[in-house]
Each structure stands twice: as structure tokens, then as C-alpha cells.
Amino acid sequence: VDDNTLVTEEPKKIVKCPADTILISAGKFVRGTASSDPMRDFNDQPLKRVYVSKYCIDKYEYPNKLGIKPKTNINFPMAQKLCKIQGRRLCTELEWERACKGPMERRYPTGNKIKSKSCNFYNEQNNSNKISSSGSYSNCISGFGIVDMSGNAAEWTSSSWSSELLQMKIIKGGSFNHDISSVRCSSRLNNDHKVQSDDIGFRCCM
């Protein structure tokens, strides 16, 4: 899907973000991964400066509460419904990636490097093999103040993998099962919209 089509969906008019969300101002950011980046994956998108309208994004993974474990084993339609109940929606891939990269547009929410124990992802020093309660990794926070965007639960987005594969939805952030490459902000995974997994959750936007 052309990225320009992903930003045409206008969110509800924002008067003020709810207390459990963070406002991301309208503006341009550079999505994707540089061709020279040694961590670039073949699924990554090329660098491109794109515009995203302002939006609110949940501070934590759903149910968006500090100290509560994110809800997983949720397929895409279920995640959509749970966001809609709150008057929200799933984030687009671009919204998710902008929130993760932060104002400095970094590789990880924590910066251009990520320490082994700063977020809940798979590595030799921190092999938790399980979901942690939101906020357990106090350093796993983006420049915009959004928590657990690398690892813990991978997150559904509303974006499809391509115009030919509309039922294949983009998943961002990686999980406790994924390695240092897959928890980059620009990393992209995908799965069928009906899939449920113990390491896939979501967060909402509006």
C-alpha cells in the first residue's frame, strides 16, 4: 500500500487527549530504514518523509494501565472492537512508528541503541519468555513518553501488508519472543487478521 493512502483516514476531531493517552502533534517524520543500516530487514520500508495528522495514542499496551499485563491472544477484529468500545481505533503503521521513533526519530524507542535489559525482548541477558506488566521495564519508553514499544507484546496496527493482501495486517514492535532486530521501530511483521497468539496484543489511537 502506498504510504500516502495510510494517512488519509482522518481521526475524530481532537479537543483534548484523554489522560491515559499522549498527543502526537501533526507533522512529518522519516519512516522506514536506511539502505545503509546493517540491521535493515528485507521487509523494512525505504526511508521516506511522510506527513501524519495529529492523534492521541495509548501510553501503555491495552488495557492501557500501569502494572497490568497487556491483553494477548487477541485477533485483529477483536482488537478493533475493544478500541471502538472506548471511542478509539487501532493505530496505523505510520502513527505507531512515529510514536516509537520519537521526536529524534531513533532506531528504538530508547535511542539508536538498546540495552539488553531495557526492554522485554529476547537476548542472552534477558530471556524472560513471558509478557511483563506494563511499565515493568522503566527505561523502555519513547521520546514522546510512550511505554513498551519495543518487545513485551507485539502490536496489531490497522494497516494492511499490501492492496492484494488486505487481510494480512502489519504488526509492530516485536515481542518478548523477538530479537534485537525485530524490536526496532521500523521493523515490520505481518499476520492474518484472524490469528491469535500469546505474544500479540495492541494499543489504541484516536
N, C-alpha and C. Protein backbone atom coordinates (compact mmCIF):
# COMPACT_ATOMS: atom_id res chain seq x y z
N VAL A 1 0.85 -1.19 0.00
CA VAL A 1 0.00 0.00 0.00
C VAL A 1 0.88 1.23 0.00
N ASP A 2 0.58 2.19 -0.86
CA ASP A 2 1.30 3.46 -0.86
C ASP A 2 1.09 4.14 0.48
N ASP A 3 2.19 4.56 1.11
CA ASP A 3 2.08 5.17 2.43
C ASP A 3 1.14 6.36 2.45
N ASN A 4 1.07 7.08 1.33
CA ASN A 4 0.23 8.27 1.30
C ASN A 4 -1.23 7.92 1.53
N THR A 5 -1.62 6.68 1.20
CA THR A 5 -3.01 6.29 1.42
C THR A 5 -3.27 5.96 2.88
N LEU A 6 -2.21 5.72 3.63
CA LEU A 6 -2.39 5.33 5.02
C LEU A 6 -2.68 6.51 5.93
N VAL A 7 -2.45 7.72 5.46
CA VAL A 7 -2.65 8.89 6.31
C VAL A 7 -3.88 9.69 5.91
N THR A 8 -4.69 9.16 4.98
CA THR A 8 -5.86 9.90 4.53
C THR A 8 -7.05 9.71 5.48
N GLU A 9 -7.02 8.66 6.31
CA GLU A 9 -8.10 8.45 7.25
C GLU A 9 -8.02 9.50 8.35
N GLU A 10 -9.01 10.37 8.41
CA GLU A 10 -8.99 11.43 9.40
C GLU A 10 -9.50 10.92 10.74
N PRO A 11 -8.74 11.13 11.80
CA PRO A 11 -9.22 10.73 13.13
C PRO A 11 -10.35 11.64 13.56
N LYS A 12 -11.06 11.24 14.63
CA LYS A 12 -12.07 12.11 15.20
C LYS A 12 -11.41 13.42 15.63
N LYS A 13 -12.15 14.50 15.56
CA LYS A 13 -11.59 15.79 15.94
C LYS A 13 -11.12 15.75 17.39
N ILE A 14 -9.87 16.09 17.61
CA ILE A 14 -9.29 16.02 18.95
C ILE A 14 -9.43 17.37 19.64
N VAL A 15 -10.15 17.38 20.73
CA VAL A 15 -10.24 18.57 21.56
C VAL A 15 -9.14 18.51 22.61
N LYS A 16 -9.07 17.39 23.29
CA LYS A 16 -8.04 17.17 24.29
C LYS A 16 -7.84 15.67 24.43
N CYS A 17 -6.60 15.23 24.49
CA CYS A 17 -6.33 13.80 24.65
C CYS A 17 -6.76 13.33 26.04
N PRO A 18 -7.36 12.15 26.14
CA PRO A 18 -7.66 11.58 27.46
C PRO A 18 -6.39 11.43 28.29
N ALA A 19 -6.54 11.38 29.59
CA ALA A 19 -5.39 11.36 30.50
C ALA A 19 -4.50 10.14 30.30
N ASP A 20 -5.06 9.04 29.79
CA ASP A 20 -4.27 7.82 29.61
C ASP A 20 -3.65 7.72 28.22
N THR A 21 -3.67 8.83 27.48
CA THR A 21 -3.05 8.86 26.15
C THR A 21 -2.09 10.02 26.05
N ILE A 22 -1.33 10.04 24.97
CA ILE A 22 -0.37 11.12 24.72
C ILE A 22 -0.64 11.69 23.34
N LEU A 23 -0.63 13.02 23.25
CA LEU A 23 -0.85 13.70 21.98
C LEU A 23 0.44 13.74 21.16
N ILE A 24 0.33 13.31 19.92
CA ILE A 24 1.43 13.44 18.97
C ILE A 24 1.02 14.51 17.96
N SER A 25 1.73 15.58 17.91
CA SER A 25 1.38 16.70 17.04
C SER A 25 1.49 16.31 15.57
N ALA A 26 0.71 16.99 14.73
CA ALA A 26 0.79 16.78 13.29
C ALA A 26 2.17 17.18 12.80
N GLY A 27 2.66 16.47 11.80
CA GLY A 27 3.95 16.81 11.24
C GLY A 27 4.53 15.70 10.40
N LYS A 28 5.70 15.94 9.87
CA LYS A 28 6.39 14.96 9.05
C LYS A 28 7.45 14.23 9.87
N PHE A 29 7.69 13.00 9.50
CA PHE A 29 8.80 12.24 10.09
C PHE A 29 9.31 11.28 9.02
N VAL A 30 10.48 10.71 9.26
CA VAL A 30 11.08 9.79 8.29
C VAL A 30 10.76 8.36 8.70
N ARG A 31 9.90 7.73 7.92
CA ARG A 31 9.58 6.33 8.20
C ARG A 31 10.58 5.42 7.48
N GLY A 32 10.63 4.15 7.92
CA GLY A 32 11.46 3.17 7.25
C GLY A 32 12.89 3.10 7.77
N THR A 33 13.73 2.42 7.02
CA THR A 33 15.10 2.14 7.42
C THR A 33 16.06 2.51 6.29
N ALA A 34 17.18 3.12 6.65
CA ALA A 34 18.19 3.49 5.65
C ALA A 34 18.77 2.24 4.99
N SER A 35 19.03 2.32 3.70
CA SER A 35 19.60 1.17 2.98
C SER A 35 20.98 0.80 3.52
N SER A 36 21.64 1.76 4.16
CA SER A 36 22.98 1.51 4.71
C SER A 36 22.94 0.95 6.13
N ASP A 37 21.77 0.86 6.72
CA ASP A 37 21.65 0.37 8.10
C ASP A 37 21.93 -1.13 8.12
N PRO A 38 22.94 -1.59 8.87
CA PRO A 38 23.27 -3.01 8.90
C PRO A 38 22.17 -3.89 9.48
N MET A 39 21.22 -3.30 10.18
CA MET A 39 20.14 -4.07 10.77
C MET A 39 18.90 -4.10 9.88
N ARG A 40 18.97 -3.47 8.74
CA ARG A 40 17.83 -3.42 7.84
C ARG A 40 17.39 -4.83 7.45
N ASP A 41 16.08 -5.05 7.47
CA ASP A 41 15.49 -6.33 7.08
C ASP A 41 14.82 -6.16 5.72
N PHE A 42 14.66 -7.24 4.97
CA PHE A 42 14.09 -7.12 3.63
C PHE A 42 12.62 -6.67 3.67
N ASN A 43 11.95 -6.81 4.82
CA ASN A 43 10.57 -6.34 4.95
C ASN A 43 10.47 -4.85 5.27
N ASP A 44 11.58 -4.24 5.68
CA ASP A 44 11.56 -2.83 6.06
C ASP A 44 11.24 -1.95 4.85
N GLN A 45 10.57 -0.85 5.11
CA GLN A 45 10.31 0.12 4.04
C GLN A 45 11.51 1.05 3.86
N PRO A 46 11.70 1.57 2.65
CA PRO A 46 12.79 2.53 2.43
C PRO A 46 12.48 3.84 3.14
N LEU A 47 13.52 4.62 3.40
CA LEU A 47 13.31 5.91 4.04
C LEU A 47 12.42 6.80 3.18
N LYS A 48 11.49 7.47 3.86
CA LYS A 48 10.62 8.42 3.16
C LYS A 48 10.04 9.37 4.19
N ARG A 49 10.09 10.67 3.90
CA ARG A 49 9.49 11.65 4.81
C ARG A 49 8.00 11.73 4.51
N VAL A 50 7.18 11.47 5.52
CA VAL A 50 5.73 11.43 5.35
C VAL A 50 5.05 12.31 6.39
N TYR A 51 3.86 12.76 6.06
CA TYR A 51 3.08 13.62 6.96
C TYR A 51 2.05 12.77 7.69
N VAL A 52 1.89 13.01 8.98
CA VAL A 52 0.88 12.33 9.79
C VAL A 52 0.07 13.39 10.55
N SER A 53 -1.25 13.30 10.47
CA SER A 53 -2.11 14.22 11.22
C SER A 53 -1.94 14.00 12.72
N LYS A 54 -2.33 14.97 13.54
CA LYS A 54 -2.20 14.81 14.99
C LYS A 54 -3.14 13.72 15.47
N TYR A 55 -2.73 13.07 16.54
CA TYR A 55 -3.52 11.96 17.09
C TYR A 55 -3.12 11.73 18.54
N CYS A 56 -3.96 11.00 19.24
CA CYS A 56 -3.66 10.56 20.61
C CYS A 56 -3.34 9.07 20.55
N ILE A 57 -2.40 8.64 21.36
CA ILE A 57 -2.03 7.22 21.40
C ILE A 57 -1.94 6.76 22.85
N ASP A 58 -2.43 5.54 23.10
CA ASP A 58 -2.38 4.99 24.45
C ASP A 58 -0.95 4.96 24.96
N LYS A 59 -0.77 5.32 26.22
CA LYS A 59 0.57 5.32 26.82
C LYS A 59 1.09 3.90 26.98
N TYR A 60 0.19 2.96 27.30
CA TYR A 60 0.57 1.56 27.53
C TYR A 60 -0.19 0.64 26.57
N GLU A 61 0.28 -0.59 26.46
CA GLU A 61 -0.43 -1.59 25.68
C GLU A 61 -1.77 -1.91 26.35
N TYR A 62 -2.79 -2.20 25.55
CA TYR A 62 -4.12 -2.47 26.08
C TYR A 62 -4.07 -3.57 27.14
N PRO A 63 -4.71 -3.34 28.31
CA PRO A 63 -5.77 -2.37 28.62
C PRO A 63 -5.28 -0.99 29.04
N ASN A 64 -4.04 -0.65 28.71
CA ASN A 64 -3.52 0.71 28.88
C ASN A 64 -3.50 1.13 30.35
N LYS A 65 -2.99 0.24 31.18
CA LYS A 65 -2.90 0.54 32.62
C LYS A 65 -1.54 0.11 33.16
N LEU A 66 -0.90 1.00 33.88
CA LEU A 66 0.39 0.70 34.51
C LEU A 66 0.24 -0.47 35.47
N GLY A 67 1.17 -1.45 35.36
CA GLY A 67 1.17 -2.58 36.28
C GLY A 67 0.25 -3.71 35.92
N ILE A 68 -0.48 -3.57 34.81
CA ILE A 68 -1.38 -4.62 34.33
C ILE A 68 -0.77 -5.27 33.10
N LYS A 69 -0.83 -6.60 33.02
CA LYS A 69 -0.28 -7.28 31.85
C LYS A 69 -1.11 -6.98 30.60
N PRO A 70 -0.45 -6.71 29.47
CA PRO A 70 -1.18 -6.48 28.22
C PRO A 70 -2.03 -7.68 27.84
N LYS A 71 -3.16 -7.41 27.23
CA LYS A 71 -4.05 -8.47 26.77
C LYS A 71 -3.52 -9.03 25.47
N THR A 72 -3.31 -10.34 25.43
CA THR A 72 -2.84 -11.01 24.21
C THR A 72 -3.84 -12.09 23.82
N ASN A 73 -3.47 -12.95 22.87
CA ASN A 73 -4.40 -13.93 22.30
C ASN A 73 -5.63 -13.22 21.74
N ILE A 74 -5.39 -12.07 21.15
CA ILE A 74 -6.44 -11.23 20.57
C ILE A 74 -6.20 -11.12 19.06
N ASN A 75 -7.21 -11.47 18.26
CA ASN A 75 -7.02 -11.30 16.81
C ASN A 75 -7.36 -9.86 16.41
N PHE A 76 -7.16 -9.56 15.16
CA PHE A 76 -7.34 -8.19 14.67
C PHE A 76 -8.77 -7.67 14.88
N PRO A 77 -9.81 -8.43 14.48
CA PRO A 77 -11.18 -7.91 14.69
C PRO A 77 -11.51 -7.68 16.16
N MET A 78 -11.01 -8.52 17.05
CA MET A 78 -11.25 -8.34 18.48
C MET A 78 -10.57 -7.07 18.98
N ALA A 79 -9.34 -6.84 18.51
CA ALA A 79 -8.62 -5.63 18.90
C ALA A 79 -9.35 -4.39 18.41
N GLN A 80 -9.83 -4.44 17.17
CA GLN A 80 -10.61 -3.33 16.62
C GLN A 80 -11.82 -3.03 17.49
N LYS A 81 -12.53 -4.07 17.87
CA LYS A 81 -13.76 -3.91 18.66
C LYS A 81 -13.46 -3.31 20.03
N LEU A 82 -12.39 -3.78 20.68
CA LEU A 82 -12.06 -3.27 22.01
C LEU A 82 -11.65 -1.80 21.97
N CYS A 83 -10.98 -1.39 20.90
CA CYS A 83 -10.67 0.04 20.75
C CYS A 83 -11.94 0.84 20.50
N LYS A 84 -12.83 0.32 19.66
CA LYS A 84 -14.05 1.04 19.30
C LYS A 84 -14.94 1.26 20.52
N ILE A 85 -14.99 0.29 21.42
CA ILE A 85 -15.79 0.41 22.65
C ILE A 85 -15.37 1.65 23.43
N GLN A 86 -14.09 2.01 23.35
CA GLN A 86 -13.57 3.16 24.07
C GLN A 86 -13.65 4.46 23.26
N GLY A 87 -14.24 4.38 22.07
CA GLY A 87 -14.27 5.55 21.20
C GLY A 87 -12.94 5.79 20.52
N ARG A 88 -12.14 4.73 20.41
CA ARG A 88 -10.82 4.83 19.80
C ARG A 88 -10.73 3.87 18.63
N ARG A 89 -9.55 3.66 18.11
CA ARG A 89 -9.33 2.77 16.97
C ARG A 89 -7.90 2.26 17.04
N LEU A 90 -7.59 1.27 16.23
CA LEU A 90 -6.21 0.82 16.13
C LEU A 90 -5.37 1.88 15.43
N CYS A 91 -4.11 1.98 15.81
CA CYS A 91 -3.20 2.92 15.18
C CYS A 91 -2.82 2.44 13.78
N THR A 92 -2.57 3.37 12.87
CA THR A 92 -1.99 2.99 11.59
C THR A 92 -0.51 2.66 11.81
N GLU A 93 0.08 2.01 10.83
CA GLU A 93 1.50 1.71 10.94
C GLU A 93 2.33 2.99 11.09
N LEU A 94 1.98 4.02 10.33
CA LEU A 94 2.74 5.27 10.39
C LEU A 94 2.60 5.95 11.74
N GLU A 95 1.40 5.97 12.29
CA GLU A 95 1.20 6.56 13.61
C GLU A 95 2.02 5.82 14.65
N TRP A 96 1.99 4.49 14.57
CA TRP A 96 2.72 3.67 15.53
C TRP A 96 4.23 3.95 15.42
N GLU A 97 4.74 3.96 14.20
CA GLU A 97 6.18 4.14 14.01
C GLU A 97 6.64 5.53 14.43
N ARG A 98 5.84 6.54 14.16
CA ARG A 98 6.19 7.91 14.59
C ARG A 98 6.27 8.00 16.11
N ALA A 99 5.30 7.39 16.78
CA ALA A 99 5.28 7.42 18.25
C ALA A 99 6.48 6.68 18.82
N CYS A 100 6.90 5.61 18.17
CA CYS A 100 8.03 4.81 18.63
C CYS A 100 9.36 5.54 18.42
N LYS A 101 9.54 6.12 17.24
CA LYS A 101 10.81 6.79 16.93
C LYS A 101 11.03 8.05 17.74
N GLY A 102 9.93 8.69 18.17
CA GLY A 102 10.06 9.89 18.98
C GLY A 102 10.49 11.10 18.18
N PRO A 103 10.61 12.24 18.82
CA PRO A 103 10.96 13.48 18.11
C PRO A 103 12.34 13.46 17.47
N MET A 104 13.23 12.59 17.98
CA MET A 104 14.58 12.50 17.41
C MET A 104 14.68 11.41 16.35
N GLU A 105 13.57 10.71 16.07
CA GLU A 105 13.48 9.69 15.02
C GLU A 105 14.57 8.63 15.14
N ARG A 106 14.58 7.96 16.27
CA ARG A 106 15.62 6.98 16.56
C ARG A 106 15.23 5.55 16.19
N ARG A 107 16.24 4.68 16.18
CA ARG A 107 16.04 3.29 15.77
C ARG A 107 15.12 2.53 16.72
N TYR A 108 15.29 2.78 18.00
CA TYR A 108 14.48 2.15 19.05
C TYR A 108 13.81 3.25 19.87
N PRO A 109 12.78 2.94 20.62
CA PRO A 109 12.20 3.97 21.48
C PRO A 109 13.21 4.52 22.48
N THR A 110 14.19 3.71 22.85
CA THR A 110 15.19 4.12 23.84
C THR A 110 16.35 4.90 23.24
N GLY A 111 16.45 4.93 21.92
CA GLY A 111 17.57 5.61 21.25
C GLY A 111 18.04 4.80 20.05
N ASN A 112 19.20 5.12 19.51
CA ASN A 112 19.72 4.37 18.36
C ASN A 112 20.30 3.03 18.76
N LYS A 113 20.51 2.84 20.07
CA LYS A 113 20.92 1.55 20.60
C LYS A 113 19.96 1.15 21.69
N ILE A 114 19.90 -0.14 21.98
CA ILE A 114 19.02 -0.64 23.03
C ILE A 114 19.79 -1.61 23.91
N LYS A 115 19.75 -1.40 25.19
CA LYS A 115 20.45 -2.29 26.13
C LYS A 115 19.65 -3.56 26.34
N SER A 116 20.36 -4.63 26.68
CA SER A 116 19.73 -5.96 26.76
C SER A 116 18.58 -6.03 27.76
N LYS A 117 18.66 -5.26 28.84
CA LYS A 117 17.62 -5.35 29.86
C LYS A 117 16.73 -4.11 29.93
N SER A 118 16.80 -3.26 28.90
CA SER A 118 15.98 -2.04 28.94
C SER A 118 14.55 -2.28 28.50
N CYS A 119 14.34 -3.30 27.66
CA CYS A 119 13.00 -3.66 27.19
C CYS A 119 12.87 -5.18 27.21
N ASN A 120 11.65 -5.67 27.15
CA ASN A 120 11.38 -7.11 27.24
C ASN A 120 11.45 -7.77 25.87
N PHE A 121 12.67 -8.06 25.42
CA PHE A 121 12.85 -8.77 24.16
C PHE A 121 13.86 -9.90 24.35
N TYR A 122 13.95 -10.79 23.38
CA TYR A 122 14.77 -11.99 23.51
C TYR A 122 16.25 -11.66 23.28
N ASN A 123 17.07 -11.96 24.29
CA ASN A 123 18.51 -11.85 24.16
C ASN A 123 19.15 -12.68 25.27
N GLU A 124 20.43 -12.89 25.18
CA GLU A 124 21.12 -13.79 26.12
C GLU A 124 21.05 -13.31 27.56
N GLN A 125 20.97 -12.00 27.76
CA GLN A 125 20.96 -11.47 29.13
C GLN A 125 19.55 -11.31 29.70
N ASN A 126 18.55 -11.38 28.85
CA ASN A 126 17.20 -11.08 29.31
C ASN A 126 16.19 -11.95 28.57
N ASN A 127 16.19 -13.23 28.84
CA ASN A 127 15.31 -14.17 28.17
C ASN A 127 14.13 -14.48 29.08
N SER A 128 13.15 -13.57 29.13
CA SER A 128 12.04 -13.72 30.07
C SER A 128 11.02 -14.75 29.63
N ASN A 129 10.85 -14.91 28.31
CA ASN A 129 9.88 -15.85 27.75
C ASN A 129 8.44 -15.61 28.20
N LYS A 130 8.15 -14.37 28.59
CA LYS A 130 6.76 -14.10 29.01
C LYS A 130 6.46 -12.61 28.93
N ILE A 131 5.18 -12.31 28.88
CA ILE A 131 4.71 -10.93 28.94
C ILE A 131 4.94 -10.37 30.33
N SER A 132 5.35 -9.13 30.39
CA SER A 132 5.51 -8.43 31.67
C SER A 132 4.40 -7.40 31.83
N SER A 133 4.13 -7.03 33.05
CA SER A 133 3.15 -5.98 33.31
C SER A 133 3.64 -4.67 32.69
N SER A 134 2.71 -3.88 32.20
CA SER A 134 3.06 -2.61 31.57
C SER A 134 3.86 -1.72 32.51
N GLY A 135 4.97 -1.20 32.01
CA GLY A 135 5.81 -0.33 32.82
C GLY A 135 6.86 -1.05 33.64
N SER A 136 6.92 -2.39 33.56
CA SER A 136 7.92 -3.14 34.34
C SER A 136 9.34 -2.77 33.93
N TYR A 137 9.53 -2.45 32.66
CA TYR A 137 10.83 -2.03 32.15
C TYR A 137 10.81 -0.50 32.08
N SER A 138 11.25 0.12 33.15
CA SER A 138 11.08 1.56 33.31
C SER A 138 11.83 2.40 32.27
N ASN A 139 12.85 1.82 31.63
CA ASN A 139 13.60 2.56 30.61
C ASN A 139 13.05 2.36 29.20
N CYS A 140 12.06 1.49 29.07
CA CYS A 140 11.52 1.18 27.74
C CYS A 140 10.43 2.19 27.40
N ILE A 141 10.87 3.40 27.06
CA ILE A 141 9.94 4.49 26.83
C ILE A 141 10.44 5.35 25.68
N SER A 142 9.53 5.75 24.81
CA SER A 142 9.93 6.54 23.64
C SER A 142 10.12 8.01 24.01
N GLY A 143 10.67 8.76 23.07
CA GLY A 143 10.88 10.18 23.30
C GLY A 143 9.60 10.96 23.51
N PHE A 144 8.48 10.38 23.10
CA PHE A 144 7.18 11.01 23.33
C PHE A 144 6.55 10.56 24.64
N GLY A 145 7.21 9.62 25.35
CA GLY A 145 6.68 9.17 26.64
C GLY A 145 5.79 7.96 26.56
N ILE A 146 5.90 7.18 25.50
CA ILE A 146 5.05 6.00 25.32
C ILE A 146 5.83 4.75 25.69
N VAL A 147 5.18 3.86 26.41
CA VAL A 147 5.86 2.75 27.10
C VAL A 147 5.75 1.42 26.34
N ASP A 148 6.83 0.63 26.39
CA ASP A 148 6.85 -0.75 25.86
C ASP A 148 6.56 -0.84 24.36
N MET A 149 7.19 0.03 23.58
CA MET A 149 7.01 -0.06 22.13
C MET A 149 8.04 -0.98 21.49
N SER A 150 9.02 -1.43 22.25
CA SER A 150 9.93 -2.50 21.81
C SER A 150 9.70 -3.70 22.70
N GLY A 151 9.35 -4.82 22.10
CA GLY A 151 9.17 -6.05 22.87
C GLY A 151 7.88 -6.08 23.67
N ASN A 152 7.87 -6.94 24.68
CA ASN A 152 6.69 -7.25 25.50
C ASN A 152 5.62 -7.87 24.61
N ALA A 153 4.56 -7.14 24.25
CA ALA A 153 3.60 -7.68 23.28
C ALA A 153 3.82 -7.01 21.93
N ALA A 154 3.86 -7.80 20.87
CA ALA A 154 3.81 -7.23 19.53
C ALA A 154 2.43 -6.62 19.36
N GLU A 155 2.27 -5.65 18.46
CA GLU A 155 1.02 -4.89 18.41
C GLU A 155 0.41 -4.83 17.01
N TRP A 156 -0.88 -5.20 16.94
CA TRP A 156 -1.63 -5.04 15.69
C TRP A 156 -1.69 -3.56 15.31
N THR A 157 -1.65 -3.28 14.02
CA THR A 157 -2.00 -1.95 13.51
C THR A 157 -3.16 -2.12 12.53
N SER A 158 -3.75 -1.00 12.13
CA SER A 158 -4.89 -1.07 11.20
C SER A 158 -4.44 -1.21 9.75
N SER A 159 -3.14 -1.14 9.50
CA SER A 159 -2.62 -1.15 8.14
C SER A 159 -2.47 -2.56 7.58
N SER A 160 -2.80 -2.71 6.30
CA SER A 160 -2.65 -3.99 5.61
C SER A 160 -1.27 -4.08 4.97
N TRP A 161 -0.81 -5.32 4.76
CA TRP A 161 0.51 -5.54 4.20
C TRP A 161 0.61 -5.01 2.77
N SER A 162 -0.46 -5.17 1.99
CA SER A 162 -0.50 -4.66 0.62
C SER A 162 -1.95 -4.60 0.16
N SER A 163 -2.17 -3.96 -0.97
CA SER A 163 -3.53 -3.87 -1.51
C SER A 163 -4.04 -5.22 -1.99
N GLU A 164 -3.13 -6.16 -2.23
CA GLU A 164 -3.53 -7.52 -2.61
C GLU A 164 -3.74 -8.41 -1.41
N LEU A 165 -3.18 -8.02 -0.28
CA LEU A 165 -3.26 -8.85 0.93
C LEU A 165 -3.89 -8.03 2.07
N LEU A 166 -5.13 -7.65 1.87
CA LEU A 166 -5.80 -6.77 2.83
C LEU A 166 -6.04 -7.43 4.18
N GLN A 167 -6.14 -8.76 4.18
CA GLN A 167 -6.40 -9.47 5.43
C GLN A 167 -5.12 -9.76 6.22
N MET A 168 -3.98 -9.48 5.60
CA MET A 168 -2.70 -9.61 6.30
C MET A 168 -2.38 -8.26 6.92
N LYS A 169 -2.38 -8.20 8.24
CA LYS A 169 -2.23 -6.93 8.94
C LYS A 169 -0.80 -6.76 9.48
N ILE A 170 -0.34 -5.53 9.46
CA ILE A 170 1.01 -5.21 9.92
C ILE A 170 1.06 -5.20 11.44
N ILE A 171 2.07 -5.83 11.98
CA ILE A 171 2.31 -5.92 13.42
C ILE A 171 3.63 -5.23 13.72
N LYS A 172 3.64 -4.41 14.74
CA LYS A 172 4.82 -3.61 15.04
C LYS A 172 5.36 -3.89 16.45
N GLY A 173 6.64 -3.60 16.62
CA GLY A 173 7.25 -3.60 17.94
C GLY A 173 7.91 -4.86 18.41
N GLY A 174 7.59 -6.00 17.75
CA GLY A 174 8.14 -7.26 18.23
C GLY A 174 7.62 -7.60 19.62
N SER A 175 8.07 -8.73 20.15
CA SER A 175 7.57 -9.20 21.45
C SER A 175 8.71 -9.74 22.30
N PHE A 176 8.35 -10.32 23.43
CA PHE A 176 9.34 -10.97 24.29
C PHE A 176 10.02 -12.14 23.58
N ASN A 177 9.41 -12.62 22.49
CA ASN A 177 9.98 -13.73 21.72
C ASN A 177 10.91 -13.27 20.61
N HIS A 178 10.97 -11.97 20.35
CA HIS A 178 11.70 -11.45 19.20
C HIS A 178 13.06 -10.86 19.60
N ASP A 179 13.97 -10.88 18.62
CA ASP A 179 15.34 -10.44 18.90
C ASP A 179 15.51 -8.94 18.67
N ILE A 180 16.74 -8.47 18.82
CA ILE A 180 17.05 -7.05 18.78
C ILE A 180 16.68 -6.39 17.46
N SER A 181 16.70 -7.14 16.37
CA SER A 181 16.35 -6.58 15.07
C SER A 181 14.85 -6.35 14.94
N SER A 182 14.06 -7.28 15.44
CA SER A 182 12.61 -7.23 15.27
C SER A 182 11.91 -6.24 16.18
N VAL A 183 12.64 -5.70 17.18
CA VAL A 183 12.02 -4.72 18.08
C VAL A 183 12.40 -3.29 17.71
N ARG A 184 13.02 -3.10 16.53
CA ARG A 184 13.27 -1.75 16.02
C ARG A 184 11.94 -1.08 15.66
N CYS A 185 11.89 0.23 15.72
CA CYS A 185 10.66 0.96 15.41
C CYS A 185 10.20 0.74 13.97
N SER A 186 11.16 0.59 13.06
CA SER A 186 10.81 0.44 11.64
C SER A 186 10.61 -1.01 11.22
N SER A 187 10.86 -1.96 12.13
CA SER A 187 10.67 -3.37 11.79
C SER A 187 9.19 -3.64 11.53
N ARG A 188 8.91 -4.55 10.58
CA ARG A 188 7.53 -4.84 10.19
C ARG A 188 7.32 -6.35 10.12
N LEU A 189 6.34 -6.82 10.85
CA LEU A 189 5.90 -8.20 10.77
C LEU A 189 4.48 -8.18 10.22
N ASN A 190 3.96 -9.33 9.82
CA ASN A 190 2.57 -9.38 9.39
C ASN A 190 1.96 -10.72 9.72
N ASN A 191 0.64 -10.74 9.85
CA ASN A 191 -0.06 -11.99 10.12
C ASN A 191 -1.50 -11.85 9.66
N ASP A 192 -2.14 -13.00 9.44
CA ASP A 192 -3.55 -12.99 9.05
C ASP A 192 -4.39 -12.38 10.16
N HIS A 193 -5.41 -11.64 9.79
CA HIS A 193 -6.22 -10.90 10.76
C HIS A 193 -6.93 -11.79 11.79
N LYS A 194 -7.05 -13.08 11.50
CA LYS A 194 -7.74 -13.98 12.42
C LYS A 194 -6.81 -14.67 13.42
N VAL A 195 -5.51 -14.47 13.26
CA VAL A 195 -4.53 -15.13 14.12
C VAL A 195 -4.61 -14.61 15.56
N GLN A 196 -4.50 -15.53 16.51
CA GLN A 196 -4.39 -15.18 17.92
C GLN A 196 -3.12 -15.81 18.46
N SER A 197 -2.35 -15.05 19.21
CA SER A 197 -1.07 -15.53 19.72
C SER A 197 -0.83 -14.97 21.11
N ASP A 198 -0.09 -15.73 21.92
CA ASP A 198 0.19 -15.27 23.29
C ASP A 198 1.20 -14.15 23.34
N ASP A 199 1.74 -13.74 22.17
CA ASP A 199 2.67 -12.61 22.20
C ASP A 199 2.21 -11.44 21.32
N ILE A 200 0.96 -11.46 20.87
CA ILE A 200 0.42 -10.35 20.07
C ILE A 200 -0.71 -9.67 20.83
N GLY A 201 -0.55 -8.36 21.03
CA GLY A 201 -1.57 -7.54 21.66
C GLY A 201 -1.82 -6.32 20.79
N PHE A 202 -2.09 -5.19 21.41
CA PHE A 202 -2.36 -3.96 20.65
C PHE A 202 -2.42 -2.76 21.60
N ARG A 203 -2.45 -1.58 21.02
CA ARG A 203 -2.79 -0.35 21.74
C ARG A 203 -3.66 0.48 20.82
N CYS A 204 -4.38 1.42 21.37
CA CYS A 204 -5.34 2.20 20.59
C CYS A 204 -4.85 3.62 20.32
N CYS A 205 -5.40 4.20 19.28
CA CYS A 205 -5.19 5.60 18.95
C CYS A 205 -6.56 6.27 18.80
N MET A 206 -6.53 7.59 18.66
CA MET A 206 -7.77 8.32 18.34
C MET A 206 -7.43 9.67 17.73
